Amino acid sequence: MPEDTVRLMCPNLTCRKILAVPKSARGKTVRCRSCGTNIRVPSAPAIAKAAFEDKKSDKPAA
């Protein structure tokens, strides 16, 4: 899979197809070609976002 694409799974429980969309689609809505469900492409990778949240929670409360 080329690095300039984002892979995501259709949230429709009867479909669950894997979609490959261009990175330029981040933050936009795309349509599953298999079932027609509208899917919001995440604006940032979930792993990077989770790592940021972990670092944020490590700081003691003031």
PDB file of N, CA and C in Angstrom:
ATOM      1  N   MET A   1       0.856  -1.175   0.000  1.00  0.00           N
ATOM      2  CA  MET A   1       0.000   0.000   0.000  1.00  0.00           C
ATOM      3  C   MET A   1       0.899   1.234   0.000  1.00  0.00           C
ATOM      4  N   PRO A   2       0.670   2.162  -0.911  1.00  0.00           N
ATOM      5  CA  PRO A   2       1.483   3.386  -0.939  1.00  0.00           C
ATOM      6  C   PRO A   2       1.342   4.189   0.350  1.00  0.00           C
ATOM      7  N   GLU A   3       2.414   4.904   0.692  1.00  0.00           N
ATOM      8  CA  GLU A   3       2.414   5.685   1.925  1.00  0.00           C
ATOM      9  C   GLU A   3       1.553   6.941   1.837  1.00  0.00           C
ATOM     10  N   ASP A   4       1.110   7.308   0.645  1.00  0.00           N
ATOM     11  CA  ASP A   4       0.303   8.509   0.498  1.00  0.00           C
ATOM     12  C   ASP A   4      -1.190   8.224   0.618  1.00  0.00           C
ATOM     13  N   THR A   5      -1.537   7.068   1.205  1.00  0.00           N
ATOM     14  CA  THR A   5      -2.941   6.725   1.407  1.00  0.00           C
ATOM     15  C   THR A   5      -3.223   6.451   2.877  1.00  0.00           C
ATOM     16  N   VAL A   6      -4.489   6.601   3.229  1.00  0.00           N
ATOM     17  CA  VAL A   6      -4.971   6.302   4.578  1.00  0.00           C
ATOM     18  C   VAL A   6      -5.901   5.104   4.443  1.00  0.00           C
ATOM     19  N   ARG A   7      -5.690   4.091   5.278  1.00  0.00           N
ATOM     20  CA  ARG A   7      -6.566   2.917   5.253  1.00  0.00           C
ATOM     21  C   ARG A   7      -7.523   2.995   6.427  1.00  0.00           C
ATOM     22  N   LEU A   8      -8.797   2.761   6.160  1.00  0.00           N
ATOM     23  CA  LEU A   8      -9.789   2.734   7.222  1.00  0.00           C
ATOM     24  C   LEU A   8     -10.871   1.732   6.885  1.00  0.00           C
ATOM     25  N   MET A   9     -11.589   1.313   7.924  1.00  0.00           N
ATOM     26  CA  MET A   9     -12.636   0.310   7.752  1.00  0.00           C
ATOM     27  C   MET A   9     -14.000   0.989   7.742  1.00  0.00           C
ATOM     28  N   CYS A  10     -14.850   0.549   6.856  1.00  0.00           N
ATOM     29  CA  CYS A  10     -16.215   1.058   6.806  1.00  0.00           C
ATOM     30  C   CYS A  10     -16.912   0.709   8.124  1.00  0.00           C
ATOM     31  N   PRO A  11     -17.546   1.693   8.776  1.00  0.00           N
ATOM     32  CA  PRO A  11     -18.203   1.433  10.058  1.00  0.00           C
ATOM     33  C   PRO A  11     -19.533   0.680   9.942  1.00  0.00           C
ATOM     34  N   ASN A  12     -20.054   0.526   8.736  1.00  0.00           N
ATOM     35  CA  ASN A  12     -21.305  -0.193   8.529  1.00  0.00           C
ATOM     36  C   ASN A  12     -21.083  -1.668   8.866  1.00  0.00           C
ATOM     37  N   LEU A  13     -21.799  -2.177   9.862  1.00  0.00           N
ATOM     38  CA  LEU A  13     -21.591  -3.543  10.347  1.00  0.00           C
ATOM     39  C   LEU A  13     -21.876  -4.615   9.307  1.00  0.00           C
ATOM     40  N   THR A  14     -22.659  -4.306   8.293  1.00  0.00           N
ATOM     41  CA  THR A  14     -22.932  -5.291   7.252  1.00  0.00           C
ATOM     42  C   THR A  14     -21.926  -5.207   6.107  1.00  0.00           C
ATOM     43  N   CYS A  15     -21.021  -4.245   6.147  1.00  0.00           N
ATOM     44  CA  CYS A  15     -20.044  -4.039   5.078  1.00  0.00           C
ATOM     45  C   CYS A  15     -18.623  -4.341   5.561  1.00  0.00           C
ATOM     46  N   ARG A  16     -18.088  -3.481   6.424  1.00  0.00           N
ATOM     47  CA  ARG A  16     -16.760  -3.612   7.038  1.00  0.00           C
ATOM     48  C   ARG A  16     -15.613  -3.725   6.030  1.00  0.00           C
ATOM     49  N   LYS A  17     -15.775  -3.144   4.838  1.00  0.00           N
ATOM     50  CA  LYS A  17     -14.715  -3.169   3.830  1.00  0.00           C
ATOM     51  C   LYS A  17     -13.586  -2.232   4.243  1.00  0.00           C
ATOM     52  N   ILE A  18     -12.367  -2.542   3.812  1.00  0.00           N
ATOM     53  CA  ILE A  18     -11.208  -1.688   4.047  1.00  0.00           C
ATOM     54  C   ILE A  18     -11.102  -0.727   2.866  1.00  0.00           C
ATOM     55  N   LEU A  19     -11.048   0.562   3.169  1.00  0.00           N
ATOM     56  CA  LEU A  19     -10.931   1.578   2.135  1.00  0.00           C
ATOM     57  C   LEU A  19      -9.533   2.171   2.172  1.00  0.00           C
ATOM     58  N   ALA A  20      -8.997   2.507   1.017  1.00  0.00           N
ATOM     59  CA  ALA A  20      -7.724   3.215   0.913  1.00  0.00           C
ATOM     60  C   ALA A  20      -8.036   4.551   0.250  1.00  0.00           C
ATOM     61  N   VAL A  21      -7.868   5.631   0.992  1.00  0.00           N
ATOM     62  CA  VAL A  21      -8.170   6.966   0.481  1.00  0.00           C
ATOM     63  C   VAL A  21      -6.899   7.808   0.522  1.00  0.00           C
ATOM     64  N   PRO A  22      -6.774   8.817  -0.347  1.00  0.00           N
ATOM     65  CA  PRO A  22      -5.570   9.650  -0.331  1.00  0.00           C
ATOM     66  C   PRO A  22      -5.462  10.457   0.960  1.00  0.00           C
ATOM     67  N   LYS A  23      -4.223  10.754   1.371  1.00  0.00           N
ATOM     68  CA  LYS A  23      -4.006  11.544   2.586  1.00  0.00           C
ATOM     69  C   LYS A  23      -4.646  12.922   2.471  1.00  0.00           C
ATOM     70  N   SER A  24      -4.838  13.402   1.256  1.00  0.00           N
ATOM     71  CA  SER A  24      -5.476  14.708   1.062  1.00  0.00           C
ATOM     72  C   SER A  24      -6.934  14.695   1.516  1.00  0.00           C
ATOM     73  N   ALA A  25      -7.505  13.507   1.761  1.00  0.00           N
ATOM     74  CA  ALA A  25      -8.890  13.389   2.222  1.00  0.00           C
ATOM     75  C   ALA A  25      -9.010  13.504   3.735  1.00  0.00           C
ATOM     76  N   ARG A  26      -7.892  13.656   4.461  1.00  0.00           N
ATOM     77  CA  ARG A  26      -7.943  13.774   5.929  1.00  0.00           C
ATOM     78  C   ARG A  26      -8.863  14.925   6.331  1.00  0.00           C
ATOM     79  N   GLY A  27      -9.740  14.648   7.299  1.00  0.00           N
ATOM     80  CA  GLY A  27     -10.675  15.656   7.783  1.00  0.00           C
ATOM     81  C   GLY A  27     -11.915  15.820   6.920  1.00  0.00           C
ATOM     82  N   LYS A  28     -12.011  15.065   5.846  1.00  0.00           N
ATOM     83  CA  LYS A  28     -13.153  15.168   4.939  1.00  0.00           C
ATOM     84  C   LYS A  28     -14.014  13.912   5.039  1.00  0.00           C
ATOM     85  N   THR A  29     -15.153  13.941   4.388  1.00  0.00           N
ATOM     86  CA  THR A  29     -16.061  12.799   4.357  1.00  0.00           C
ATOM     87  C   THR A  29     -15.935  12.106   3.007  1.00  0.00           C
ATOM     88  N   VAL A  30     -15.812  10.783   3.037  1.00  0.00           N
ATOM     89  CA  VAL A  30     -15.767   9.982   1.814  1.00  0.00           C
ATOM     90  C   VAL A  30     -16.905   8.973   1.860  1.00  0.00           C
ATOM     91  N   ARG A  31     -17.212   8.389   0.734  1.00  0.00           N
ATOM     92  CA  ARG A  31     -18.291   7.407   0.650  1.00  0.00           C
ATOM     93  C   ARG A  31     -17.717   6.032   0.337  1.00  0.00           C
ATOM     94  N   CYS A  32     -18.176   5.034   1.073  1.00  0.00           N
ATOM     95  CA  CYS A  32     -17.757   3.655   0.824  1.00  0.00           C
ATOM     96  C   CYS A  32     -18.303   3.232  -0.537  1.00  0.00           C
ATOM     97  N   ARG A  33     -17.438   2.717  -1.388  1.00  0.00           N
ATOM     98  CA  ARG A  33     -17.870   2.298  -2.726  1.00  0.00           C
ATOM     99  C   ARG A  33     -18.712   1.031  -2.688  1.00  0.00           C
ATOM    100  N   SER A  34     -18.588   0.277  -1.609  1.00  0.00           N
ATOM    101  CA  SER A  34     -19.308  -0.982  -1.507  1.00  0.00           C
ATOM    102  C   SER A  34     -20.755  -0.793  -1.055  1.00  0.00           C
ATOM    103  N   CYS A  35     -20.963   0.023   0.012  1.00  0.00           N
ATOM    104  CA  CYS A  35     -22.311   0.140   0.579  1.00  0.00           C
ATOM    105  C   CYS A  35     -22.875   1.561   0.542  1.00  0.00           C
ATOM    106  N   GLY A  36     -22.038   2.564   0.260  1.00  0.00           N
ATOM    107  CA  GLY A  36     -22.514   3.938   0.169  1.00  0.00           C
ATOM    108  C   GLY A  36     -22.518   4.709   1.477  1.00  0.00           C
ATOM    109  N   THR A  37     -22.013   4.115   2.562  1.00  0.00           N
ATOM    110  CA  THR A  37     -21.966   4.800   3.859  1.00  0.00           C
ATOM    111  C   THR A  37     -20.977   5.958   3.805  1.00  0.00           C
ATOM    112  N   ASN A  38     -21.370   7.111   4.357  1.00  0.00           N
ATOM    113  CA  ASN A  38     -20.466   8.248   4.461  1.00  0.00           C
ATOM    114  C   ASN A  38     -19.545   8.043   5.655  1.00  0.00           C
ATOM    115  N   ILE A  39     -18.241   8.258   5.443  1.00  0.00           N
ATOM    116  CA  ILE A  39     -17.229   8.014   6.472  1.00  0.00           C
ATOM    117  C   ILE A  39     -16.350   9.244   6.603  1.00  0.00           C
ATOM    118  N   ARG A  40     -16.173   9.723   7.819  1.00  0.00           N
ATOM    119  CA  ARG A  40     -15.280  10.855   8.089  1.00  0.00           C
ATOM    120  C   ARG A  40     -13.856  10.317   8.241  1.00  0.00           C
ATOM    121  N   VAL A  41     -12.935  10.813   7.406  1.00  0.00           N
ATOM    122  CA  VAL A  41     -11.536  10.395   7.477  1.00  0.00           C
ATOM    123  C   VAL A  41     -10.882  11.178   8.614  1.00  0.00           C
ATOM    124  N   PRO A  42     -10.227  10.497   9.551  1.00  0.00           N
ATOM    125  CA  PRO A  42      -9.587  11.204  10.671  1.00  0.00           C
ATOM    126  C   PRO A  42      -8.568  12.223  10.167  1.00  0.00           C
ATOM    127  N   SER A  43      -8.471  13.356  10.874  1.00  0.00           N
ATOM    128  CA  SER A  43      -7.543  14.401  10.449  1.00  0.00           C
ATOM    129  C   SER A  43      -6.110  14.093  10.847  1.00  0.00           C
ATOM    130  N   ALA A  44      -5.901  13.232  11.846  1.00  0.00           N
ATOM    131  CA  ALA A  44      -4.551  12.848  12.270  1.00  0.00           C
ATOM    132  C   ALA A  44      -4.552  11.360  12.596  1.00  0.00           C
ATOM    133  N   PRO A  45      -3.399  10.719  12.452  1.00  0.00           N
ATOM    134  CA  PRO A  45      -3.332   9.298  12.800  1.00  0.00           C
ATOM    135  C   PRO A  45      -3.709   9.072  14.260  1.00  0.00           C
ATOM    136  N   ALA A  46      -4.466   8.035  14.530  1.00  0.00           N
ATOM    137  CA  ALA A  46      -4.936   7.751  15.891  1.00  0.00           C
ATOM    138  C   ALA A  46      -3.781   7.442  16.836  1.00  0.00           C
ATOM    139  N   ILE A  47      -2.728   6.811  16.344  1.00  0.00           N
ATOM    140  CA  ILE A  47      -1.589   6.463  17.194  1.00  0.00           C
ATOM    141  C   ILE A  47      -0.899   7.726  17.695  1.00  0.00           C
ATOM    142  N   ALA A  48      -0.659   8.671  16.821  1.00  0.00           N
ATOM    143  CA  ALA A  48       0.001   9.913  17.225  1.00  0.00           C
ATOM    144  C   ALA A  48      -0.872  10.679  18.210  1.00  0.00           C
ATOM    145  N   LYS A  49      -2.157  10.680  17.988  1.00  0.00           N
ATOM    146  CA  LYS A  49      -3.080  11.373  18.884  1.00  0.00           C
ATOM    147  C   LYS A  49      -3.068  10.717  20.264  1.00  0.00           C
ATOM    148  N   ALA A  50      -3.053   9.390  20.315  1.00  0.00           N
ATOM    149  CA  ALA A  50      -3.026   8.672  21.589  1.00  0.00           C
ATOM    150  C   ALA A  50      -1.724   8.945  22.330  1.00  0.00           C
ATOM    151  N   ALA A  51      -0.610   8.999  21.620  1.00  0.00           N
ATOM    152  CA  ALA A  51       0.678   9.284  22.256  1.00  0.00           C
ATOM    153  C   ALA A  51       0.675  10.681  22.856  1.00  0.00           C
ATOM    154  N   PHE A  52       0.071  11.629  22.169  1.00  0.00           N
ATOM    155  CA  PHE A  52      -0.019  12.994  22.676  1.00  0.00           C
ATOM    156  C   PHE A  52      -0.847  13.029  23.954  1.00  0.00           C
ATOM    157  N   GLU A  53      -1.953  12.307  23.982  1.00  0.00           N
ATOM    158  CA  GLU A  53      -2.807  12.274  25.167  1.00  0.00           C
ATOM    159  C   GLU A  53      -2.075  11.646  26.351  1.00  0.00           C
ATOM    160  N   ASP A  54      -1.259  10.602  26.101  1.00  0.00           N
ATOM    161  CA  ASP A  54      -0.495   9.965  27.174  1.00  0.00           C
ATOM    162  C   ASP A  54       0.508  10.932  27.783  1.00  0.00           C
ATOM    163  N   LYS A  55       1.212  11.692  26.956  1.00  0.00           N
ATOM    164  CA  LYS A  55       2.193  12.651  27.457  1.00  0.00           C
ATOM    165  C   LYS A  55       1.511  13.762  28.236  1.00  0.00           C
ATOM    166  N   LYS A  56       0.331  14.154  27.782  1.00  0.00           N
ATOM    167  CA  LYS A  56      -0.412  15.220  28.443  1.00  0.00           C
ATOM    168  C   LYS A  56      -0.854  14.777  29.839  1.00  0.00           C
ATOM    169  N   SER A  57      -1.206  13.515  30.003  1.00  0.00           N
ATOM    170  CA  SER A  57      -1.703  13.024  31.289  1.00  0.00           C
ATOM    171  C   SER A  57      -0.577  12.728  32.277  1.00  0.00           C
ATOM    172  N   ASP A  58       0.687  12.653  31.809  1.00  0.00           N
ATOM    173  CA  ASP A  58       1.818  12.392  32.693  1.00  0.00           C
ATOM    174  C   ASP A  58       2.169  13.582  33.579  1.00  0.00           C
ATOM    175  N   LYS A  59       1.762  14.774  33.184  1.00  0.00           N
ATOM    176  CA  LYS A  59       2.089  15.966  33.963  1.00  0.00           C
ATOM    177  C   LYS A  59       1.217  16.026  35.211  1.00  0.00           C
ATOM    178  N   PRO A  60       1.800  16.356  36.362  1.00  0.00           N
ATOM    179  CA  PRO A  60       0.998  16.458  37.588  1.00  0.00           C
ATOM    180  C   PRO A  60       0.054  17.659  37.539  1.00  0.00           C
ATOM    181  N   ALA A  61      -1.090  17.509  38.165  1.00  0.00           N
ATOM    182  CA  ALA A  61      -2.071  18.596  38.207  1.00  0.00           C
ATOM    183  C   ALA A  61      -1.558  19.695  39.124  1.00  0.00           C
ATOM    184  N   ALA A  62      -1.775  20.940  38.721  1.00  0.00           N
ATOM    185  CA  ALA A  62      -1.281  22.069  39.527  1.00  0.00           C
ATOM    186  C   ALA A  62      -2.307  22.533  40.520  1.00  0.00           C
TER     187      ALA A  62
END
